[in-house]
N, C-alpha and C. Protein backbone atom coordinates (compact mmCIF):
# COMPACT_ATOMS: atom_id res chain seq x y z
N GLN A 1 258.25 74.40 259.36
CA GLN A 1 257.38 75.04 260.33
C GLN A 1 257.37 74.24 261.62
N VAL A 2 257.46 74.97 262.73
CA VAL A 2 257.50 74.31 264.02
C VAL A 2 256.09 74.11 264.55
N GLN A 3 255.83 72.93 265.03
CA GLN A 3 254.54 72.64 265.65
C GLN A 3 254.78 71.98 267.00
N VAL A 4 254.16 72.54 268.02
CA VAL A 4 254.23 72.00 269.38
C VAL A 4 252.85 71.48 269.74
N VAL A 5 252.81 70.28 270.27
CA VAL A 5 251.52 69.66 270.59
C VAL A 5 251.53 69.17 272.03
N GLU A 6 250.55 69.64 272.80
CA GLU A 6 250.35 69.15 274.16
C GLU A 6 249.17 68.19 274.17
N SER A 7 249.24 67.20 275.04
CA SER A 7 248.13 66.26 275.19
C SER A 7 248.12 65.72 276.61
N GLY A 8 247.03 65.04 276.95
CA GLY A 8 246.95 64.38 278.24
C GLY A 8 246.06 65.06 279.26
N GLY A 9 245.51 66.21 278.91
CA GLY A 9 244.63 66.88 279.85
C GLY A 9 243.31 66.14 280.01
N GLY A 10 242.53 66.62 280.97
CA GLY A 10 241.22 66.01 281.19
C GLY A 10 240.65 66.44 282.51
N LEU A 11 239.61 65.71 282.92
CA LEU A 11 238.93 65.97 284.18
C LEU A 11 239.42 64.98 285.23
N VAL A 12 239.81 65.49 286.37
CA VAL A 12 240.29 64.63 287.44
C VAL A 12 239.76 65.15 288.76
N GLN A 13 239.54 64.26 289.70
CA GLN A 13 239.09 64.66 291.03
C GLN A 13 240.27 65.21 291.83
N PRO A 14 239.99 66.06 292.80
CA PRO A 14 241.07 66.52 293.69
C PRO A 14 241.80 65.32 294.29
N GLY A 15 243.12 65.41 294.31
CA GLY A 15 243.94 64.31 294.79
C GLY A 15 244.36 63.35 293.71
N GLY A 16 243.79 63.51 292.53
CA GLY A 16 244.11 62.61 291.42
C GLY A 16 245.37 63.03 290.68
N SER A 17 245.66 62.30 289.61
CA SER A 17 246.89 62.52 288.83
C SER A 17 246.58 62.60 287.35
N LEU A 18 247.41 63.35 286.66
CA LEU A 18 247.39 63.41 285.20
C LEU A 18 248.83 63.46 284.71
N ARG A 19 249.02 62.97 283.50
CA ARG A 19 250.33 63.02 282.86
C ARG A 19 250.18 63.75 281.53
N LEU A 20 250.81 64.89 281.42
CA LEU A 20 250.76 65.67 280.19
C LEU A 20 251.98 65.36 279.34
N SER A 21 251.78 65.44 278.04
CA SER A 21 252.85 65.16 277.10
C SER A 21 253.05 66.36 276.17
N CYS A 22 254.29 66.60 275.81
CA CYS A 22 254.63 67.66 274.86
C CYS A 22 255.55 67.07 273.79
N THR A 23 255.14 67.19 272.57
CA THR A 23 255.99 66.78 271.45
C THR A 23 256.10 67.96 270.48
N ALA A 24 257.10 67.90 269.64
CA ALA A 24 257.31 68.99 268.69
C ALA A 24 257.86 68.46 267.38
N SER A 25 257.45 69.09 266.31
CA SER A 25 258.02 68.80 265.00
C SER A 25 258.65 70.08 264.47
N GLY A 26 259.67 69.92 263.67
CA GLY A 26 260.35 71.09 263.12
C GLY A 26 261.51 71.59 263.96
N ILE A 27 261.62 71.08 265.18
CA ILE A 27 262.76 71.38 266.04
C ILE A 27 263.15 70.10 266.75
N ARG A 28 264.36 70.10 267.22
CA ARG A 28 264.82 68.98 268.04
C ARG A 28 264.60 69.39 269.49
N LEU A 29 263.64 68.79 270.15
CA LEU A 29 263.23 69.21 271.49
C LEU A 29 264.37 69.17 272.49
N ASP A 30 265.31 68.26 272.32
CA ASP A 30 266.45 68.16 273.23
C ASP A 30 267.35 69.38 273.17
N ASP A 31 267.21 70.19 272.14
CA ASP A 31 268.03 71.39 272.01
C ASP A 31 267.45 72.58 272.77
N TYR A 32 266.30 72.36 273.40
CA TYR A 32 265.58 73.46 274.02
C TYR A 32 265.31 73.21 275.49
N PHE A 33 265.39 74.30 276.28
CA PHE A 33 264.75 74.26 277.57
C PHE A 33 263.23 74.17 277.30
N VAL A 34 262.53 73.57 278.21
CA VAL A 34 261.08 73.50 278.05
C VAL A 34 260.40 73.94 279.34
N ASN A 35 259.53 74.93 279.21
CA ASN A 35 258.68 75.35 280.32
C ASN A 35 257.31 74.71 280.16
N TRP A 36 256.68 74.45 281.27
CA TRP A 36 255.24 74.19 281.29
C TRP A 36 254.60 75.36 282.02
N TYR A 37 253.56 75.90 281.38
CA TYR A 37 252.81 77.00 281.98
C TYR A 37 251.35 76.61 282.13
N ARG A 38 250.71 77.24 283.09
CA ARG A 38 249.27 77.13 283.22
C ARG A 38 248.69 78.52 282.98
N ILE A 39 247.68 78.57 282.13
CA ILE A 39 246.96 79.81 281.90
C ILE A 39 245.62 79.71 282.59
N ILE A 40 245.32 80.68 283.41
CA ILE A 40 244.07 80.63 284.17
C ILE A 40 243.08 81.63 283.58
N PRO A 41 241.81 81.55 283.96
CA PRO A 41 240.78 82.35 283.28
C PRO A 41 241.07 83.84 283.16
N ASP A 42 241.76 84.42 284.14
CA ASP A 42 242.06 85.85 283.99
C ASP A 42 243.27 86.08 283.10
N GLU A 43 243.72 85.02 282.43
CA GLU A 43 244.79 85.03 281.46
C GLU A 43 246.18 85.23 282.03
N ARG A 44 246.30 85.08 283.35
CA ARG A 44 247.64 85.09 283.92
C ARG A 44 248.35 83.81 283.52
N ARG A 45 249.64 83.94 283.27
CA ARG A 45 250.45 82.80 282.88
C ARG A 45 251.34 82.44 284.06
N LEU A 46 251.21 81.24 284.55
CA LEU A 46 251.96 80.78 285.71
C LEU A 46 252.85 79.62 285.30
N ARG A 47 254.14 79.77 285.53
CA ARG A 47 255.06 78.67 285.22
C ARG A 47 254.92 77.59 286.29
N VAL A 48 254.83 76.35 285.84
CA VAL A 48 254.67 75.26 286.79
C VAL A 48 255.88 74.33 286.81
N ALA A 49 256.71 74.35 285.78
CA ALA A 49 257.90 73.51 285.75
C ALA A 49 258.77 73.91 284.57
N THR A 50 260.07 73.63 284.71
CA THR A 50 261.05 73.84 283.63
C THR A 50 262.03 72.70 283.65
N ILE A 51 262.46 72.29 282.44
CA ILE A 51 263.50 71.27 282.34
C ILE A 51 264.53 71.74 281.33
N SER A 52 265.80 71.46 281.63
CA SER A 52 266.87 71.85 280.72
C SER A 52 266.91 70.91 279.52
N GLY A 53 267.68 71.30 278.52
CA GLY A 53 267.78 70.48 277.33
C GLY A 53 268.35 69.10 277.60
N SER A 54 269.29 69.04 278.51
CA SER A 54 269.89 67.75 278.85
C SER A 54 268.98 66.92 279.75
N GLY A 55 268.04 67.60 280.39
CA GLY A 55 267.17 66.91 281.33
C GLY A 55 267.72 66.80 282.73
N THR A 56 268.93 67.30 282.94
CA THR A 56 269.56 67.14 284.25
C THR A 56 269.12 68.21 285.25
N ASP A 57 268.61 69.30 284.75
CA ASP A 57 268.19 70.39 285.64
C ASP A 57 266.70 70.65 285.48
N THR A 58 266.05 70.78 286.62
CA THR A 58 264.62 71.08 286.63
C THR A 58 264.35 72.19 287.63
N TYR A 59 263.21 72.83 287.44
CA TYR A 59 262.80 73.90 288.35
C TYR A 59 261.30 73.78 288.57
N TYR A 60 260.90 73.98 289.83
CA TYR A 60 259.49 74.00 290.18
C TYR A 60 259.25 75.17 291.13
N PRO A 61 258.23 75.95 290.89
CA PRO A 61 257.87 76.97 291.88
C PRO A 61 257.24 76.28 293.09
N ASP A 62 257.16 76.99 294.17
CA ASP A 62 256.66 76.39 295.41
C ASP A 62 255.29 75.71 295.27
N PRO A 63 254.33 76.28 294.53
CA PRO A 63 253.01 75.64 294.46
C PRO A 63 253.01 74.24 293.85
N THR A 64 254.01 73.92 293.02
CA THR A 64 254.02 72.61 292.37
C THR A 64 255.15 71.70 292.87
N LYS A 65 256.04 72.23 293.65
CA LYS A 65 257.18 71.45 294.13
C LYS A 65 256.68 70.26 294.97
N GLY A 66 257.21 69.09 294.67
CA GLY A 66 256.81 67.90 295.40
C GLY A 66 255.59 67.19 294.84
N ARG A 67 254.86 67.86 293.96
CA ARG A 67 253.67 67.25 293.36
C ARG A 67 253.83 67.03 291.86
N PHE A 68 254.54 67.90 291.20
CA PHE A 68 254.74 67.82 289.75
C PHE A 68 256.17 67.35 289.45
N THR A 69 256.29 66.56 288.40
CA THR A 69 257.60 66.11 287.94
C THR A 69 257.68 66.25 286.43
N VAL A 70 258.69 66.99 285.97
CA VAL A 70 258.91 67.16 284.54
C VAL A 70 260.09 66.28 284.13
N SER A 71 259.96 65.63 282.99
CA SER A 71 261.02 64.73 282.54
C SER A 71 261.05 64.70 281.01
N ARG A 72 262.14 64.12 280.50
CA ARG A 72 262.32 64.00 279.05
C ARG A 72 262.49 62.55 278.67
N ASP A 73 262.01 62.23 277.49
CA ASP A 73 262.32 60.96 276.86
C ASP A 73 262.89 61.30 275.49
N SER A 74 264.20 61.30 275.40
CA SER A 74 264.85 61.72 274.15
C SER A 74 264.53 60.78 273.00
N ALA A 75 264.37 59.50 273.31
CA ALA A 75 264.07 58.53 272.26
C ALA A 75 262.73 58.85 271.59
N LYS A 76 261.80 59.34 272.39
CA LYS A 76 260.48 59.69 271.86
C LYS A 76 260.39 61.17 271.50
N SER A 77 261.45 61.93 271.79
CA SER A 77 261.43 63.38 271.60
C SER A 77 260.20 63.98 272.29
N GLU A 78 260.11 63.71 273.56
CA GLU A 78 258.92 64.07 274.32
C GLU A 78 259.32 64.62 275.69
N VAL A 79 258.56 65.59 276.15
CA VAL A 79 258.69 66.10 277.51
C VAL A 79 257.36 65.84 278.21
N THR A 80 257.41 65.26 279.37
CA THR A 80 256.18 64.95 280.10
C THR A 80 256.12 65.72 281.41
N LEU A 81 254.92 65.94 281.85
CA LEU A 81 254.67 66.59 283.14
C LEU A 81 253.74 65.68 283.92
N GLN A 82 254.28 65.02 284.92
CA GLN A 82 253.48 64.16 285.79
C GLN A 82 252.95 65.03 286.92
N MET A 83 251.64 65.07 287.05
CA MET A 83 251.02 65.91 288.07
C MET A 83 250.26 65.02 289.04
N ASN A 84 250.68 65.04 290.29
CA ASN A 84 250.06 64.23 291.33
C ASN A 84 249.41 65.12 292.37
N ASN A 85 248.50 64.52 293.14
CA ASN A 85 247.80 65.24 294.21
C ASN A 85 247.26 66.57 293.69
N LEU A 86 246.54 66.50 292.60
CA LEU A 86 246.04 67.72 291.98
C LEU A 86 245.01 68.42 292.85
N LYS A 87 245.05 69.73 292.79
CA LYS A 87 244.15 70.57 293.57
C LYS A 87 243.28 71.40 292.63
N PRO A 88 242.14 71.87 293.10
CA PRO A 88 241.29 72.69 292.23
C PRO A 88 242.03 73.88 291.64
N GLU A 89 242.96 74.44 292.38
CA GLU A 89 243.70 75.61 291.88
C GLU A 89 244.72 75.25 290.81
N ASP A 90 244.91 73.96 290.53
CA ASP A 90 245.78 73.55 289.43
C ASP A 90 245.04 73.58 288.08
N ALA A 91 243.77 73.80 288.10
CA ALA A 91 242.98 73.79 286.86
C ALA A 91 243.38 74.93 285.95
N GLY A 92 243.29 74.68 284.65
CA GLY A 92 243.60 75.69 283.66
C GLY A 92 244.05 75.02 282.38
N ILE A 93 244.48 75.84 281.43
CA ILE A 93 245.02 75.31 280.19
C ILE A 93 246.54 75.25 280.34
N TYR A 94 247.12 74.10 280.08
CA TYR A 94 248.54 73.88 280.23
C TYR A 94 249.23 73.95 278.87
N PHE A 95 250.30 74.72 278.84
CA PHE A 95 251.05 74.92 277.61
C PHE A 95 252.50 74.47 277.79
N CYS A 96 253.01 73.88 276.75
CA CYS A 96 254.42 73.53 276.67
C CYS A 96 255.13 74.63 275.89
N ASN A 97 256.28 75.07 276.38
CA ASN A 97 256.97 76.20 275.77
C ASN A 97 258.46 75.88 275.61
N PRO A 98 258.84 75.30 274.47
CA PRO A 98 260.27 75.14 274.19
C PRO A 98 260.90 76.50 273.89
N TYR A 99 262.04 76.76 274.51
CA TYR A 99 262.68 78.05 274.24
C TYR A 99 264.19 77.89 274.24
N ARG A 100 264.82 78.72 273.44
CA ARG A 100 266.28 78.77 273.37
C ARG A 100 266.65 80.13 272.80
N GLY A 101 267.28 80.94 273.61
CA GLY A 101 267.63 82.27 273.16
C GLY A 101 266.38 83.05 272.77
N ASN A 102 266.34 83.52 271.54
CA ASN A 102 265.19 84.29 271.06
C ASN A 102 264.12 83.42 270.43
N SER A 103 264.33 82.13 270.41
CA SER A 103 263.35 81.21 269.83
C SER A 103 262.40 80.73 270.91
N ASN A 104 261.13 80.95 270.67
CA ASN A 104 260.08 80.62 271.63
C ASN A 104 258.93 80.00 270.87
N TYR A 105 258.49 78.82 271.30
CA TYR A 105 257.39 78.16 270.60
C TYR A 105 256.31 77.76 271.58
N TRP A 106 255.09 77.77 271.09
CA TRP A 106 253.94 77.44 271.92
C TRP A 106 252.99 76.52 271.15
N GLY A 107 252.36 75.64 271.91
CA GLY A 107 251.32 74.81 271.32
C GLY A 107 249.96 75.40 271.58
N GLN A 108 248.93 74.60 271.36
CA GLN A 108 247.55 75.03 271.56
C GLN A 108 247.07 74.81 272.98
N GLY A 109 247.84 74.04 273.74
CA GLY A 109 247.47 73.81 275.12
C GLY A 109 246.56 72.61 275.31
N THR A 110 246.49 72.17 276.55
CA THR A 110 245.60 71.07 276.90
C THR A 110 244.90 71.44 278.21
N GLN A 111 243.59 71.22 278.25
CA GLN A 111 242.77 71.66 279.38
C GLN A 111 242.85 70.67 280.53
N VAL A 112 243.09 71.19 281.70
CA VAL A 112 243.06 70.38 282.93
C VAL A 112 241.96 70.92 283.82
N THR A 113 241.05 70.05 284.21
CA THR A 113 239.97 70.42 285.11
C THR A 113 240.07 69.56 286.36
N VAL A 114 240.08 70.19 287.51
CA VAL A 114 240.16 69.47 288.78
C VAL A 114 238.89 69.78 289.56
N SER A 115 238.04 68.79 289.64
CA SER A 115 236.74 69.01 290.27
C SER A 115 236.16 67.70 290.75
N SER A 116 235.42 67.76 291.85
CA SER A 116 234.73 66.58 292.34
C SER A 116 233.31 66.54 291.80
C-alpha cells in the first residue's frame, strides 16, 4: 500500500519561510514526477511546483516563481518545497502528489497559515 506523507506546515508571518517535506512508502519516489498543490477554502486546487523524477527539471507558475524551490534528496527519498517570502495568499493545505502515467498518489496534506 502506498502512503504519502507531507509535513512542515505551520503558522508563519508574511515574509517568512517554511520548508515542506514529502516522503512516501510503497513506491520509489525517484520514479515519479512530484507536484505540490495548494488547496484553498473554496476547494480549488492550485499547482505551486513540479519536479521531475531525476530532479533536473522543475516548474513553477508565476505566483510562486522566484519564491518557492522544489528539490529532491534521493538518499532520503524525500521531496522538499522551500517557501520564502510567504504571502497571505499562499495560505492553504499543501499536498504532495507523486504521479507517473495513470498512477497518482496523494497524502493528507499539511496546513500552511500566513498571518501576522
